[in-house]
Amino acid sequence: MLEIKNLTAGYGNGPDVIKNINLKVREGEIVTIIGPNGAGKSTILRSIFGLTSIRNGEINLSGENLVNQKTDQIIKHGVCYVPQGRSVFSTMTVEENLQMGAYILNDKKEIDGRLGKIYSRFPNLYAKRKCAAQNLSGGQQQMVSLGRALMLNPKLLLLDEPSIGLSPKLTMEVFENCRTIKKNGTSILIIEQNANIALQYTDHAYVLEMGENRLDGKGKELLKNKKVGKLYLGR
């Protein structure tokens, strides 16, 4: 579904952050990118979402080249992005936050129907639907961010460090939700520092170093890889 070929990108007139990246996300997959801080992981997601300067390469989604397309066009192709740090509209209610995710839709009945599906998936959000997002816990805010992105029924969901700042229990809950999202037909590309947990849930994973591909393979295979274990899994 998503195929990145020889992608080189950076910001403005600055140096290249990622160089000749090759990556695939197939339909019905969770794919994870791991690597040290500064490896260029977030730049890959931002490049897919039209937020970087692309110097070379291709980003193809279901045969459509996303390079040089604006973010609003990319969203219409079925891509949604949840940035690092649980970006919620703090003074708005949970329900208003979710409705913002469907801003390109004009049909109130359709929006209400999608809200119902989000509440079915995240029952705790229904109980908090009239609460200001700033009064929610970190885990609940992450669910709001996920729910808002899912309001558009994306083909591809981009998640940047979804477990950052969360307890081990809430981290596990985030990845269980990712598994459910995948079963409901949305492919997921994740950047995650908690490689140990991420690799348990992922179908395929890529290891980045210094802005370049270093390793890739099935999640369970990389869990057993001695180099990955030493550098990223604390073994």
Foldseek 3Di string as FASTA:
>chain_A
DKWWAQWWWAADPDDTQAGGATDDFDWLFEEEEEEDPSLCPVVVVCQLQPNTGIDDTFIADPRDTCHPPHNVVSVVLFEFEQAPDLDFPQQAFLQVRLLVLVVVDDDPVLLVVLVVVLCVLPVVCVVRRRPGLNPDDPLVSLSSSVSSPCSSVGQEYEYEASCPPHDPVSVVVVLVSVNVSSVVTHYYYYYHLLLLVSLVRGQKYFYGGSNYTDDIDGSVVLNPDPVCCVPRVVD
